Amino acid sequence: MPVRIRAKAPLRLSFAGGGTDVSPFLEREGGCVLSATISRYSWGTLSPREDGQIHLESADLGALFYFDTRSNLVYDGKMDLAKAAIRTLSGQDSGGFDLFLQTDAPPGSGLGSSSSLMVNMIGLLREFKALPLTEYEMAELAFQIERKQLGIRGGMQDQYASVFGGFNFIEFHPDHVIVNPLRINRDSTNELEHNLLLCYTGKPRTTDGIIQDQVGRYEHNEEAAMEGLRKQKTLAVEMKNLLLQRRLDDFGALLDTAWQFKKKMSPKISNPLIDEMYDEARRNGALGGKITGAGGGGYLLLYCEYEKKHKVAEALRKIGGIPTEFGFEFHGLQTWRMNGHGANGRH
C-alpha cells in the first residue's frame, strides 16, 4: 500500500499585540504578540505518484487542479498558496503527487487559517523531500512565501504560532524572531476554556485595505494609530504576566482595553455589526473581548463570567452571531506517515 504523508497545523487566537508584527512598525519599533493555538486545524495529505503528475484538491474551495511536474506553475488566483509552496520547496522535482487540503475555519475567519495552510504544506513537502528544516526555518519560509512572494498583506505572528503551537509570547525584531513558550498552569487553561467564547460574526474578514490603512496612518505619524500600536505592545506584556499569575478575570478585562486600542489603529477594524455584537455581549456579562485577526469580520473572542456565558451566547444568536466552543491545542505542526502497516509519526 502506498505511503501517505499527513499533516495538521493549528489555527490561533491572538490576545494582544496584533499589528506590531507588520512592517514598517516591526522594523522601527519591534513588535510582540501574545497568542495561543486552538483545536482547529488545517489538514493535508500528500500521496506520491510516479507518473509526473501533480493533482491539487481543496475541499474548502471545492476545486481540483492538475499539473505536470514540468509545468510552469503560474500564480493566477487559483490555489496560489499551494503552487508557491510546491515551487519553493522543489516539489516539482519529483515523480509527482496528490495533495489534498482542508481547513476547519472559513477563509477570512481571523484565526490565521491561510498561514496555517501554508505551514501545513511546508510540513508535508519537508517530509516528502526529507528537507532538514527547523521550526524557525519553516515559520520564516511560510512568512516569506505568503507575504513576500505572493504579496498577501499581513504580519508574521500566524506562521510562528502554527508551527510552534501552544501559548506563546512572540517577540519580533528587525532581523530575528524569538518564540517564548509559556508554561500556563493546566487549571488556568481549563478556566480559560470555561470562560472564553468564540462567536462568528456571520461576515468573513475581508482585506478591505485594513492593513494598508493601518500602515499608512502609522507612516504619517497619526497620533491615534501610533498610540494604538504602541499600547498593543505594553498590553501583550501585561496580559502575559496576568496569565502566568493566574489572574484570569483581570486578563479578561484587559481584552477590552486591547480592543479599544486596537480600534485606534484604523477605523476599518470595526464596523456597526461588530460594535453591536460586542456591546450586546458586554451588556449580558462579557468582561472583555476583541475581534480576531486584522478586523472587519471573522470571529469575536469574548471572556465571560461563566454563569453568564450562556446568556451572552443567546444574546448574540438573536442578532445573527454564531457562538461556538473551542479548546486549546498545545502542539504545533505535526506530520506523520500512513501505510498498510500503520502510522509512523514525526513532529
Protein backbone atom coordinates (compact mmCIF):
# COMPACT_ATOMS: atom_id res chain seq x y z
CA MET A 1 0.00 0.00 0.00
CA PRO A 2 1.45 3.41 -0.97
CA VAL A 3 2.75 5.61 1.82
CA ARG A 4 0.68 8.71 2.51
CA ILE A 5 2.09 11.71 4.34
CA ARG A 6 -0.34 13.59 6.55
CA ALA A 7 -0.10 16.87 8.42
CA LYS A 8 -2.14 19.11 10.65
CA ALA A 9 -1.31 22.67 11.70
CA PRO A 10 -3.37 24.53 14.31
CA LEU A 11 -5.21 27.83 13.98
CA ARG A 12 -4.58 30.53 16.58
CA LEU A 13 -6.12 33.18 18.82
CA SER A 14 -4.21 36.42 19.26
CA PHE A 15 -4.91 38.10 22.60
CA ALA A 16 -2.82 41.26 22.20
CA GLY A 17 -0.05 42.69 20.06
CA GLY A 18 -1.57 42.13 16.62
CA GLY A 19 -0.39 44.77 14.17
CA THR A 20 3.00 45.22 15.82
CA ASP A 21 4.26 42.30 13.70
CA VAL A 22 3.60 44.23 10.47
CA SER A 23 6.16 46.33 8.59
CA PRO A 24 7.27 49.06 8.99
CA PHE A 25 6.35 49.18 12.71
CA LEU A 26 8.22 45.94 13.31
CA GLU A 27 11.49 47.25 11.82
CA ARG A 28 11.27 50.65 13.50
CA GLU A 29 10.00 49.78 16.97
CA GLY A 30 9.89 45.99 17.28
CA GLY A 31 6.74 44.01 17.96
CA CYS A 32 5.40 41.38 20.32
CA VAL A 33 2.30 39.21 20.35
CA LEU A 34 0.57 37.05 22.95
CA SER A 35 -1.23 34.14 21.31
CA ALA A 36 -2.39 30.54 21.70
CA THR A 37 -3.30 27.82 19.24
CA ILE A 38 -6.70 26.14 19.33
CA SER A 39 -8.14 22.75 18.43
CA ARG A 40 -8.98 23.76 14.89
CA TYR A 41 -6.62 22.94 12.10
CA SER A 42 -5.63 22.92 8.51
CA TRP A 43 -5.28 19.32 7.33
CA GLY A 44 -3.31 17.88 4.46
CA THR A 45 -2.43 14.59 2.79
CA LEU A 46 0.33 14.07 0.24
CA SER A 47 0.31 10.81 -1.72
CA PRO A 48 3.34 10.24 -4.00
CA ARG A 49 2.77 9.39 -7.66
CA GLU A 50 5.12 8.05 -10.31
CA ASP A 51 3.56 9.50 -13.48
CA GLY A 52 4.92 13.05 -13.26
CA GLN A 53 1.52 14.49 -12.39
CA ILE A 54 0.59 16.84 -9.54
CA HIS A 55 -3.07 16.82 -8.51
CA LEU A 56 -4.19 19.55 -6.07
CA GLU A 57 -7.56 19.25 -4.37
CA SER A 58 -9.03 21.83 -1.99
CA ALA A 59 -12.07 20.71 -0.02
CA ASP A 60 -12.64 24.32 1.08
CA LEU A 61 -12.78 25.64 -2.48
CA GLY A 62 -14.40 22.54 -3.94
CA ALA A 63 -11.69 22.67 -6.60
CA LEU A 64 -9.32 20.21 -8.26
CA PHE A 65 -6.34 21.20 -10.40
CA TYR A 66 -3.99 19.04 -12.47
CA PHE A 67 -0.40 19.90 -13.41
CA ASP A 68 2.59 18.25 -14.95
CA THR A 69 5.78 18.37 -12.87
CA ARG A 70 7.39 20.19 -15.81
CA SER A 71 4.64 22.83 -15.92
CA ASN A 72 5.31 26.45 -15.04
CA LEU A 73 3.02 26.98 -12.04
CA VAL A 74 1.53 30.41 -12.72
CA TYR A 75 0.05 32.47 -9.88
CA ASP A 76 -3.44 33.18 -11.17
CA GLY A 77 -5.56 33.27 -8.03
CA LYS A 78 -6.26 29.54 -8.17
CA MET A 79 -4.61 27.70 -5.25
CA ASP A 80 -1.62 30.05 -5.35
CA LEU A 81 -0.63 29.14 -1.78
CA ALA A 82 -0.14 25.52 -2.81
CA LYS A 83 1.63 26.42 -6.05
CA ALA A 84 4.05 28.74 -4.24
CA ALA A 85 4.88 26.11 -1.62
CA ILE A 86 5.49 23.49 -4.33
CA ARG A 87 7.72 25.81 -6.36
CA THR A 88 9.73 26.98 -3.34
CA LEU A 89 10.34 23.53 -1.86
CA SER A 90 11.14 21.91 -5.22
CA GLY A 91 8.04 19.76 -5.16
CA GLN A 92 8.15 19.63 -8.97
CA ASP A 93 11.48 17.80 -8.77
CA SER A 94 9.71 14.52 -8.05
CA GLY A 95 7.61 11.82 -9.62
CA GLY A 96 4.52 13.83 -8.75
CA PHE A 97 1.92 13.57 -6.01
CA ASP A 98 -1.68 14.10 -4.98
CA LEU A 99 -2.20 16.90 -2.45
CA PHE A 100 -5.49 17.13 -0.54
CA LEU A 101 -6.13 20.18 1.69
CA GLN A 102 -8.89 21.16 4.10
CA THR A 103 -9.27 23.70 6.93
CA ASP A 104 -11.58 23.84 9.95
CA ALA A 105 -12.37 27.54 9.53
CA PRO A 106 -13.59 29.54 6.53
CA PRO A 107 -11.28 31.98 4.73
CA GLY A 108 -11.38 35.36 6.45
CA SER A 109 -12.04 33.82 9.87
CA GLY A 110 -9.34 35.92 11.53
CA LEU A 111 -7.90 32.71 13.03
CA GLY A 112 -4.83 32.57 10.79
CA SER A 113 -6.21 29.86 8.52
CA SER A 114 -4.26 30.79 5.37
CA SER A 115 -0.95 30.83 7.25
CA SER A 116 -1.84 27.53 8.91
CA LEU A 117 -2.48 26.08 5.46
CA MET A 118 0.92 27.31 4.24
CA VAL A 119 2.62 25.79 7.31
CA ASN A 120 0.76 22.55 6.64
CA MET A 121 2.03 22.37 3.06
CA ILE A 122 5.60 23.15 4.12
CA GLY A 123 5.34 20.30 6.65
CA LEU A 124 4.10 17.88 4.01
CA LEU A 125 6.77 18.86 1.47
CA ARG A 126 9.51 18.84 4.13
CA GLU A 127 8.58 15.23 4.94
CA PHE A 128 8.19 14.29 1.26
CA LYS A 129 11.54 15.79 0.23
CA ALA A 130 13.36 14.95 3.52
CA LEU A 131 14.34 18.61 3.98
CA PRO A 132 16.28 19.48 7.17
CA LEU A 133 14.14 22.47 8.20
CA THR A 134 13.86 23.62 11.82
CA GLU A 135 10.69 25.10 13.32
CA TYR A 136 12.08 28.63 12.97
CA GLU A 137 13.08 28.00 9.36
CA MET A 138 9.63 26.63 8.48
CA ALA A 139 7.87 29.62 10.06
CA GLU A 140 10.17 32.09 8.30
CA LEU A 141 9.71 30.25 5.00
CA ALA A 142 5.92 30.33 5.39
CA PHE A 143 6.11 34.08 6.04
CA GLN A 144 8.38 34.69 3.04
CA ILE A 145 6.16 32.71 0.65
CA GLU A 146 2.88 34.18 1.83
CA ARG A 147 3.86 37.80 2.41
CA LYS A 148 6.80 38.36 0.06
CA GLN A 149 6.35 36.02 -2.90
CA LEU A 150 2.56 36.20 -3.09
CA GLY A 151 2.23 39.73 -1.70
CA ILE A 152 -0.57 38.85 0.75
CA ARG A 153 -0.66 41.67 3.27
CA GLY A 154 -0.26 40.78 6.94
CA GLY A 155 2.19 40.17 9.75
CA MET A 156 4.42 37.37 10.99
CA GLN A 157 2.60 36.01 14.02
CA ASP A 158 0.34 33.45 12.33
CA GLN A 159 3.12 31.38 10.79
CA TYR A 160 5.12 31.13 14.02
CA ALA A 161 2.04 30.35 16.12
CA SER A 162 1.02 27.49 13.82
CA VAL A 163 4.50 25.94 13.61
CA PHE A 164 5.26 26.10 17.35
CA GLY A 165 1.77 25.70 18.89
CA GLY A 166 0.63 26.30 22.46
CA PHE A 167 0.68 29.56 24.43
CA ASN A 168 3.49 31.83 23.26
CA PHE A 169 4.83 35.31 23.80
CA ILE A 170 6.48 36.05 20.45
CA GLU A 171 8.98 38.88 20.02
CA PHE A 172 9.56 40.35 16.57
CA HIS A 173 12.84 42.12 15.89
CA PRO A 174 14.09 43.58 12.59
CA ASP A 175 16.41 40.64 11.96
CA HIS A 176 15.04 37.79 14.05
CA VAL A 177 12.06 36.35 15.93
CA ILE A 178 12.02 34.83 19.42
CA VAL A 179 9.24 32.42 20.41
CA ASN A 180 8.89 32.23 24.20
CA PRO A 181 6.69 29.24 25.18
CA LEU A 182 4.58 30.00 28.26
CA ARG A 183 4.11 27.42 31.00
CA ILE A 184 0.44 28.10 31.69
CA ASN A 185 -0.97 26.09 34.58
CA ARG A 186 -3.50 23.47 33.46
CA ASP A 187 -6.08 24.87 35.88
CA SER A 188 -5.71 28.19 34.09
CA THR A 189 -6.16 26.74 30.62
CA ASN A 190 -9.23 24.83 31.79
CA GLU A 191 -10.63 28.02 33.30
CA LEU A 192 -9.94 29.94 30.09
CA GLU A 193 -11.78 27.30 28.05
CA HIS A 194 -14.57 27.51 30.63
CA ASN A 195 -14.96 31.29 30.29
CA LEU A 196 -13.96 32.14 26.73
CA LEU A 197 -16.45 32.15 23.88
CA LEU A 198 -15.84 32.43 20.15
CA CYS A 199 -18.62 33.95 18.09
CA TYR A 200 -18.63 34.11 14.30
CA THR A 201 -19.97 37.47 13.21
CA GLY A 202 -21.52 35.92 10.12
CA LYS A 203 -19.26 38.02 7.93
CA PRO A 204 -15.80 36.91 6.79
CA ARG A 205 -12.88 39.22 7.34
CA THR A 206 -12.06 40.97 4.09
CA THR A 207 -8.77 42.65 3.38
CA ASP A 208 -10.69 45.85 2.59
CA GLY A 209 -7.46 47.79 2.92
CA ILE A 210 -7.38 47.44 6.72
CA ILE A 211 -3.69 46.67 6.98
CA GLN A 212 -2.76 49.23 4.31
CA ASP A 213 -4.80 51.86 6.14
CA GLN A 214 -3.19 50.97 9.47
CA VAL A 215 0.31 51.15 7.95
CA GLY A 216 -0.44 54.43 6.19
CA ARG A 217 -1.63 56.05 9.41
CA TYR A 218 1.48 54.92 11.24
CA GLU A 219 3.77 56.16 8.45
CA HIS A 220 2.04 59.56 8.56
CA ASN A 221 2.55 59.69 12.33
CA GLU A 222 -1.17 59.81 13.07
CA GLU A 223 -1.35 60.08 16.82
CA ALA A 224 -4.25 57.66 17.44
CA ALA A 225 -2.80 54.92 15.23
CA MET A 226 0.64 55.22 16.82
CA GLU A 227 -0.87 55.15 20.30
CA GLY A 228 -2.93 52.07 19.41
CA LEU A 229 0.05 50.13 18.09
CA ARG A 230 2.38 51.04 20.95
CA LYS A 231 -0.27 50.19 23.51
CA GLN A 232 -0.65 46.75 21.93
CA LYS A 233 2.96 46.01 22.88
CA THR A 234 2.55 47.00 26.52
CA LEU A 235 -0.77 45.13 26.76
CA ALA A 236 0.80 41.95 25.36
CA VAL A 237 3.37 42.06 28.17
CA GLU A 238 0.77 42.88 30.84
CA MET A 239 -1.60 40.14 29.69
CA LYS A 240 1.23 37.60 29.52
CA ASN A 241 2.06 38.39 33.15
CA LEU A 242 -1.59 38.09 34.21
CA LEU A 243 -1.80 34.65 32.58
CA LEU A 244 1.30 33.48 34.38
CA GLN A 245 -0.04 34.88 37.68
CA ARG A 246 -3.41 33.12 37.10
CA ARG A 247 -5.29 36.44 37.35
CA LEU A 248 -7.75 35.43 34.67
CA ASP A 249 -10.58 37.88 35.33
CA ASP A 250 -8.05 40.70 35.10
CA PHE A 251 -6.80 39.13 31.88
CA GLY A 252 -10.36 39.08 30.52
CA ALA A 253 -10.90 42.72 31.44
CA LEU A 254 -7.69 43.71 29.63
CA LEU A 255 -9.06 42.11 26.45
CA ASP A 256 -11.48 45.03 26.43
CA THR A 257 -8.64 47.51 26.79
CA ALA A 258 -6.77 45.77 23.95
CA TRP A 259 -9.88 46.03 21.77
CA GLN A 260 -10.37 49.75 22.46
CA PHE A 261 -6.77 50.49 21.50
CA LYS A 262 -6.86 48.14 18.51
CA LYS A 263 -9.71 50.21 17.05
CA LYS A 264 -7.49 53.29 17.20
CA MET A 265 -5.12 51.70 14.68
CA SER A 266 -7.65 52.07 11.84
CA PRO A 267 -11.36 52.97 11.65
CA LYS A 268 -11.80 49.99 9.32
CA ILE A 269 -11.02 47.46 12.06
CA SER A 270 -14.55 47.59 13.46
CA ASN A 271 -17.94 48.27 11.89
CA PRO A 272 -21.55 48.71 13.10
CA LEU A 273 -22.20 44.93 13.14
CA ILE A 274 -19.11 44.18 15.22
CA ASP A 275 -19.83 47.10 17.56
CA GLU A 276 -23.42 45.93 18.06
CA MET A 277 -22.35 42.37 18.84
CA TYR A 278 -19.61 43.46 21.20
CA ASP A 279 -21.86 45.88 23.07
CA GLU A 280 -24.56 43.21 23.38
CA ALA A 281 -22.02 40.73 24.75
CA ARG A 282 -20.85 43.25 27.34
CA ARG A 283 -24.40 44.02 28.42
CA ASN A 284 -25.01 40.33 29.03
CA GLY A 285 -21.92 39.52 31.08
CA ALA A 286 -18.76 39.58 28.94
CA LEU A 287 -15.89 41.19 30.84
CA GLY A 288 -13.97 41.90 27.66
CA GLY A 289 -13.17 40.69 24.18
CA LYS A 290 -11.90 41.62 20.75
CA ILE A 291 -12.20 40.75 17.11
CA THR A 292 -9.70 38.13 15.99
CA GLY A 293 -7.27 38.87 13.19
CA ALA A 294 -6.94 42.16 11.34
CA GLY A 295 -10.61 43.08 11.85
CA GLY A 296 -13.61 43.88 9.68
CA GLY A 297 -15.26 40.49 10.29
CA GLY A 298 -14.44 36.95 11.31
CA TYR A 299 -14.72 35.88 14.96
CA LEU A 300 -15.27 37.76 18.19
CA LEU A 301 -13.36 36.36 21.16
CA LEU A 302 -15.14 37.06 24.45
CA TYR A 303 -14.19 36.45 28.08
CA CYS A 304 -17.34 35.93 30.15
CA GLU A 305 -18.33 35.31 33.70
CA TYR A 306 -19.08 31.62 33.24
CA GLU A 307 -22.51 31.76 34.88
CA LYS A 308 -23.43 34.39 32.25
CA LYS A 309 -21.72 32.80 29.28
CA HIS A 310 -24.90 31.12 28.07
CA LYS A 311 -26.72 34.47 28.24
CA VAL A 312 -24.01 36.10 26.14
CA ALA A 313 -24.27 33.29 23.58
CA GLU A 314 -28.06 33.54 23.40
CA ALA A 315 -27.99 37.32 23.02
CA LEU A 316 -25.51 37.04 20.16
CA ARG A 317 -27.57 34.36 18.39
CA LYS A 318 -30.54 36.73 18.39
CA ILE A 319 -28.62 39.30 16.36
CA GLY A 320 -27.09 36.85 13.88
CA GLY A 321 -23.95 35.69 15.68
CA ILE A 322 -22.86 32.05 15.68
CA PRO A 323 -21.34 31.21 19.10
CA THR A 324 -19.05 28.21 19.37
CA GLU A 325 -16.94 26.44 21.96
CA PHE A 326 -13.28 25.57 21.44
CA GLY A 327 -10.31 24.04 23.21
CA PHE A 328 -6.61 24.90 23.24
CA GLU A 329 -4.01 22.94 21.29
CA PHE A 330 -0.59 22.55 22.91
CA HIS A 331 1.21 21.16 19.85
CA GLY A 332 2.17 22.95 16.67
CA LEU A 333 2.65 21.47 13.21
CA GLN A 334 2.54 17.66 13.21
CA THR A 335 3.33 15.32 10.33
CA TRP A 336 3.11 11.54 10.12
CA ARG A 337 3.08 8.73 7.60
CA MET A 338 0.42 6.16 6.95
CA ASN A 339 0.95 2.87 5.16
CA GLY A 340 -0.51 -0.58 5.11
CA HIS A 341 1.13 -1.43 8.44
CA GLY A 342 0.02 1.62 10.47
CA ALA A 343 1.38 5.06 11.29
CA ASN A 344 4.86 6.38 11.90
CA GLY A 345 4.83 9.84 13.45
CA ARG A 346 7.09 12.84 13.17
CA HIS A 347 6.66 16.31 14.64
